Amino acid sequence: MSERRRNDVALETEKSLTEIKYELATAKKELIFSNNNRKDLEVALNAVQEEKKMIERELLSLRAYLQLKATSTKASTIHMINPISG
């Protein structure tokens, strides 16, 4: 009976070891997948940050243009109201 018990324990141990190896392989695949996703997200985040910087520069340029246009229009209006005679 002792021999049979040892065989049963050995079979259970081998079965547990096989399950643990499978779980470990699955965990490694999930880790690789997660790392790839993290890298993809980092690339996407960098792209979005660069786009944000570009949009901010365009916005500053448009604001400067509009300010210049408003100043120019204001100066034209004042000149039309008070023309300088020569």
N, C-alpha and C. Protein backbone atom coordinates (compact mmCIF):
# COMPACT_ATOMS: atom_id res chain seq x y z
N MET A 1 0.82 -1.19 0.00
CA MET A 1 0.00 0.00 0.00
C MET A 1 0.86 1.26 0.00
N SER A 2 1.96 1.20 0.70
CA SER A 2 2.87 2.33 0.76
C SER A 2 3.42 2.67 -0.62
N GLU A 3 3.73 1.66 -1.41
CA GLU A 3 4.22 1.87 -2.76
C GLU A 3 3.17 2.57 -3.62
N ARG A 4 1.95 2.13 -3.49
CA ARG A 4 0.85 2.76 -4.25
C ARG A 4 0.68 4.21 -3.83
N ARG A 5 0.77 4.48 -2.58
CA ARG A 5 0.63 5.86 -2.07
C ARG A 5 1.75 6.73 -2.63
N ARG A 6 2.96 6.21 -2.66
CA ARG A 6 4.09 6.97 -3.21
C ARG A 6 3.86 7.27 -4.70
N ASN A 7 3.35 6.30 -5.43
CA ASN A 7 3.04 6.51 -6.84
C ASN A 7 1.96 7.58 -7.02
N ASP A 8 0.93 7.54 -6.20
CA ASP A 8 -0.14 8.54 -6.26
C ASP A 8 0.41 9.94 -5.98
N VAL A 9 1.25 10.03 -4.95
CA VAL A 9 1.85 11.32 -4.59
C VAL A 9 2.73 11.81 -5.74
N ALA A 10 3.50 10.91 -6.32
CA ALA A 10 4.37 11.28 -7.45
C ALA A 10 3.54 11.77 -8.63
N LEU A 11 2.44 11.09 -8.92
CA LEU A 11 1.56 11.50 -10.02
C LEU A 11 0.93 12.86 -9.74
N GLU A 12 0.47 13.07 -8.52
CA GLU A 12 -0.11 14.36 -8.15
C GLU A 12 0.93 15.48 -8.23
N THR A 13 2.13 15.18 -7.79
CA THR A 13 3.21 16.16 -7.85
C THR A 13 3.53 16.51 -9.30
N GLU A 14 3.62 15.49 -10.15
CA GLU A 14 3.90 15.72 -11.57
C GLU A 14 2.78 16.52 -12.22
N LYS A 15 1.54 16.21 -11.86
CA LYS A 15 0.39 16.93 -12.40
C LYS A 15 0.44 18.40 -11.97
N SER A 16 0.72 18.62 -10.69
CA SER A 16 0.81 20.00 -10.18
C SER A 16 1.93 20.76 -10.86
N LEU A 17 3.07 20.09 -11.05
CA LEU A 17 4.20 20.73 -11.71
C LEU A 17 3.86 21.11 -13.15
N THR A 18 3.17 20.23 -13.86
CA THR A 18 2.75 20.52 -15.24
C THR A 18 1.80 21.71 -15.28
N GLU A 19 0.85 21.76 -14.33
CA GLU A 19 -0.08 22.89 -14.28
C GLU A 19 0.65 24.20 -13.99
N ILE A 20 1.62 24.15 -13.08
CA ILE A 20 2.38 25.35 -12.73
C ILE A 20 3.20 25.82 -13.93
N LYS A 21 3.80 24.89 -14.67
CA LYS A 21 4.57 25.25 -15.86
C LYS A 21 3.66 25.93 -16.90
N TYR A 22 2.46 25.39 -17.06
CA TYR A 22 1.51 25.99 -18.01
C TYR A 22 1.11 27.39 -17.56
N GLU A 23 0.82 27.54 -16.26
CA GLU A 23 0.45 28.86 -15.72
C GLU A 23 1.60 29.85 -15.88
N LEU A 24 2.83 29.39 -15.67
CA LEU A 24 4.00 30.24 -15.83
C LEU A 24 4.16 30.68 -17.28
N ALA A 25 3.98 29.76 -18.21
CA ALA A 25 4.07 30.10 -19.64
C ALA A 25 2.99 31.11 -20.02
N THR A 26 1.79 30.90 -19.49
CA THR A 26 0.70 31.84 -19.76
C THR A 26 1.01 33.21 -19.18
N ALA A 27 1.54 33.23 -17.96
CA ALA A 27 1.88 34.51 -17.31
C ALA A 27 2.97 35.24 -18.10
N LYS A 28 3.95 34.49 -18.62
CA LYS A 28 5.01 35.12 -19.43
C LYS A 28 4.43 35.74 -20.70
N LYS A 29 3.51 35.03 -21.35
CA LYS A 29 2.86 35.58 -22.56
C LYS A 29 2.08 36.84 -22.22
N GLU A 30 1.37 36.83 -21.10
CA GLU A 30 0.60 38.00 -20.69
C GLU A 30 1.52 39.17 -20.37
N LEU A 31 2.67 38.89 -19.77
CA LEU A 31 3.64 39.94 -19.46
C LEU A 31 4.19 40.55 -20.75
N ILE A 32 4.53 39.71 -21.71
CA ILE A 32 5.03 40.21 -23.00
C ILE A 32 3.96 41.07 -23.68
N PHE A 33 2.72 40.59 -23.65
CA PHE A 33 1.61 41.35 -24.25
C PHE A 33 1.46 42.70 -23.54
N SER A 34 1.51 42.70 -22.22
CA SER A 34 1.37 43.94 -21.44
C SER A 34 2.50 44.91 -21.76
N ASN A 35 3.72 44.39 -21.84
CA ASN A 35 4.86 45.26 -22.16
C ASN A 35 4.74 45.85 -23.55
N ASN A 36 4.28 45.04 -24.51
CA ASN A 36 4.07 45.56 -25.86
C ASN A 36 2.99 46.64 -25.86
N ASN A 37 1.91 46.41 -25.13
CA ASN A 37 0.85 47.42 -25.03
C ASN A 37 1.38 48.70 -24.39
N ARG A 38 2.20 48.55 -23.35
CA ARG A 38 2.77 49.72 -22.67
C ARG A 38 3.63 50.51 -23.65
N LYS A 39 4.45 49.81 -24.43
CA LYS A 39 5.30 50.50 -25.41
C LYS A 39 4.45 51.20 -26.46
N ASP A 40 3.41 50.54 -26.93
CA ASP A 40 2.51 51.16 -27.91
C ASP A 40 1.84 52.40 -27.33
N LEU A 41 1.42 52.31 -26.08
CA LEU A 41 0.78 53.46 -25.43
C LEU A 41 1.76 54.61 -25.23
N GLU A 42 3.01 54.28 -24.91
CA GLU A 42 4.02 55.33 -24.77
C GLU A 42 4.26 56.05 -26.10
N VAL A 43 4.32 55.29 -27.17
CA VAL A 43 4.50 55.89 -28.51
C VAL A 43 3.30 56.78 -28.84
N ALA A 44 2.11 56.28 -28.57
CA ALA A 44 0.89 57.06 -28.84
C ALA A 44 0.86 58.33 -27.99
N LEU A 45 1.24 58.21 -26.73
CA LEU A 45 1.27 59.38 -25.85
C LEU A 45 2.26 60.42 -26.35
N ASN A 46 3.43 59.97 -26.76
CA ASN A 46 4.42 60.91 -27.31
C ASN A 46 3.89 61.61 -28.55
N ALA A 47 3.21 60.87 -29.40
CA ALA A 47 2.64 61.47 -30.62
C ALA A 47 1.59 62.52 -30.26
N VAL A 48 0.75 62.20 -29.29
CA VAL A 48 -0.28 63.16 -28.87
C VAL A 48 0.36 64.40 -28.25
N GLN A 49 1.40 64.22 -27.46
CA GLN A 49 2.09 65.37 -26.85
C GLN A 49 2.73 66.25 -27.91
N GLU A 50 3.33 65.65 -28.92
CA GLU A 50 3.93 66.42 -30.02
C GLU A 50 2.85 67.18 -30.78
N GLU A 51 1.72 66.51 -31.02
CA GLU A 51 0.62 67.18 -31.72
C GLU A 51 0.09 68.36 -30.90
N LYS A 52 0.01 68.16 -29.60
CA LYS A 52 -0.45 69.24 -28.72
C LYS A 52 0.49 70.44 -28.80
N LYS A 53 1.80 70.18 -28.80
CA LYS A 53 2.77 71.27 -28.92
C LYS A 53 2.60 72.01 -30.24
N MET A 54 2.39 71.25 -31.32
CA MET A 54 2.21 71.85 -32.63
C MET A 54 0.95 72.73 -32.64
N ILE A 55 -0.13 72.23 -32.07
CA ILE A 55 -1.38 73.00 -32.03
C ILE A 55 -1.21 74.25 -31.18
N GLU A 56 -0.47 74.14 -30.08
CA GLU A 56 -0.22 75.32 -29.24
C GLU A 56 0.58 76.38 -30.00
N ARG A 57 1.57 75.93 -30.79
CA ARG A 57 2.35 76.89 -31.60
C ARG A 57 1.46 77.55 -32.65
N GLU A 58 0.60 76.77 -33.29
CA GLU A 58 -0.32 77.33 -34.28
C GLU A 58 -1.27 78.33 -33.63
N LEU A 59 -1.74 78.00 -32.44
CA LEU A 59 -2.64 78.90 -31.73
C LEU A 59 -1.95 80.22 -31.39
N LEU A 60 -0.70 80.13 -30.92
CA LEU A 60 0.06 81.36 -30.63
C LEU A 60 0.24 82.20 -31.89
N SER A 61 0.53 81.54 -32.99
CA SER A 61 0.72 82.24 -34.26
C SER A 61 -0.58 82.93 -34.69
N LEU A 62 -1.70 82.23 -34.57
CA LEU A 62 -2.99 82.82 -34.94
C LEU A 62 -3.35 83.99 -34.04
N ARG A 63 -3.07 83.85 -32.75
CA ARG A 63 -3.35 84.96 -31.82
C ARG A 63 -2.53 86.20 -32.18
N ALA A 64 -1.24 85.97 -32.51
CA ALA A 64 -0.38 87.09 -32.89
C ALA A 64 -0.90 87.74 -34.17
N TYR A 65 -1.30 86.92 -35.13
CA TYR A 65 -1.84 87.43 -36.39
C TYR A 65 -3.10 88.25 -36.14
N LEU A 66 -4.00 87.72 -35.32
CA LEU A 66 -5.25 88.43 -35.04
C LEU A 66 -4.98 89.74 -34.30
N GLN A 67 -4.02 89.71 -33.38
CA GLN A 67 -3.68 90.93 -32.66
C GLN A 67 -3.11 91.97 -33.63
N LEU A 68 -2.25 91.54 -34.52
CA LEU A 68 -1.68 92.44 -35.51
C LEU A 68 -2.77 93.01 -36.41
N LYS A 69 -3.68 92.14 -36.84
CA LYS A 69 -4.79 92.56 -37.70
C LYS A 69 -5.68 93.57 -36.97
N ALA A 70 -5.97 93.28 -35.70
CA ALA A 70 -6.83 94.19 -34.92
C ALA A 70 -6.14 95.54 -34.74
N THR A 71 -4.85 95.54 -34.48
CA THR A 71 -4.09 96.79 -34.31
C THR A 71 -4.07 97.57 -35.62
N SER A 72 -3.86 96.84 -36.71
CA SER A 72 -3.83 97.48 -38.03
C SER A 72 -5.18 98.08 -38.37
N THR A 73 -6.27 97.36 -38.10
CA THR A 73 -7.62 97.86 -38.38
C THR A 73 -7.93 99.08 -37.52
N LYS A 74 -7.52 99.03 -36.27
CA LYS A 74 -7.75 100.15 -35.36
C LYS A 74 -7.00 101.39 -35.85
N ALA A 75 -5.75 101.19 -36.29
CA ALA A 75 -4.95 102.32 -36.80
C ALA A 75 -5.58 102.88 -38.07
N SER A 76 -6.11 102.03 -38.94
CA SER A 76 -6.76 102.49 -40.17
C SER A 76 -7.99 103.30 -39.85
N THR A 77 -8.77 102.81 -38.89
CA THR A 77 -9.99 103.51 -38.51
C THR A 77 -9.68 104.87 -37.93
N ILE A 78 -8.67 104.95 -37.08
CA ILE A 78 -8.29 106.23 -36.49
C ILE A 78 -7.80 107.17 -37.58
N HIS A 79 -7.03 106.68 -38.54
CA HIS A 79 -6.52 107.50 -39.63
C HIS A 79 -7.66 108.01 -40.50
N MET A 80 -8.69 107.19 -40.69
CA MET A 80 -9.82 107.61 -41.51
C MET A 80 -10.62 108.70 -40.80
N ILE A 81 -10.70 108.62 -39.48
CA ILE A 81 -11.46 109.61 -38.73
C ILE A 81 -10.69 110.93 -38.65
N ASN A 82 -9.39 110.86 -38.41
CA ASN A 82 -8.56 112.06 -38.29
C ASN A 82 -7.46 112.06 -39.34
N PRO A 83 -7.80 112.30 -40.59
CA PRO A 83 -6.73 112.28 -41.61
C PRO A 83 -5.79 113.47 -41.39
N ILE A 84 -4.54 113.23 -41.67
CA ILE A 84 -3.53 114.28 -41.52
C ILE A 84 -3.44 115.00 -42.86
N SER A 85 -3.63 116.30 -42.81
CA SER A 85 -3.54 117.05 -44.05
C SER A 85 -2.13 117.57 -44.24
N GLY A 86 -1.65 117.53 -45.47
CA GLY A 86 -0.28 117.89 -45.75
C GLY A 86 -0.15 119.18 -46.29
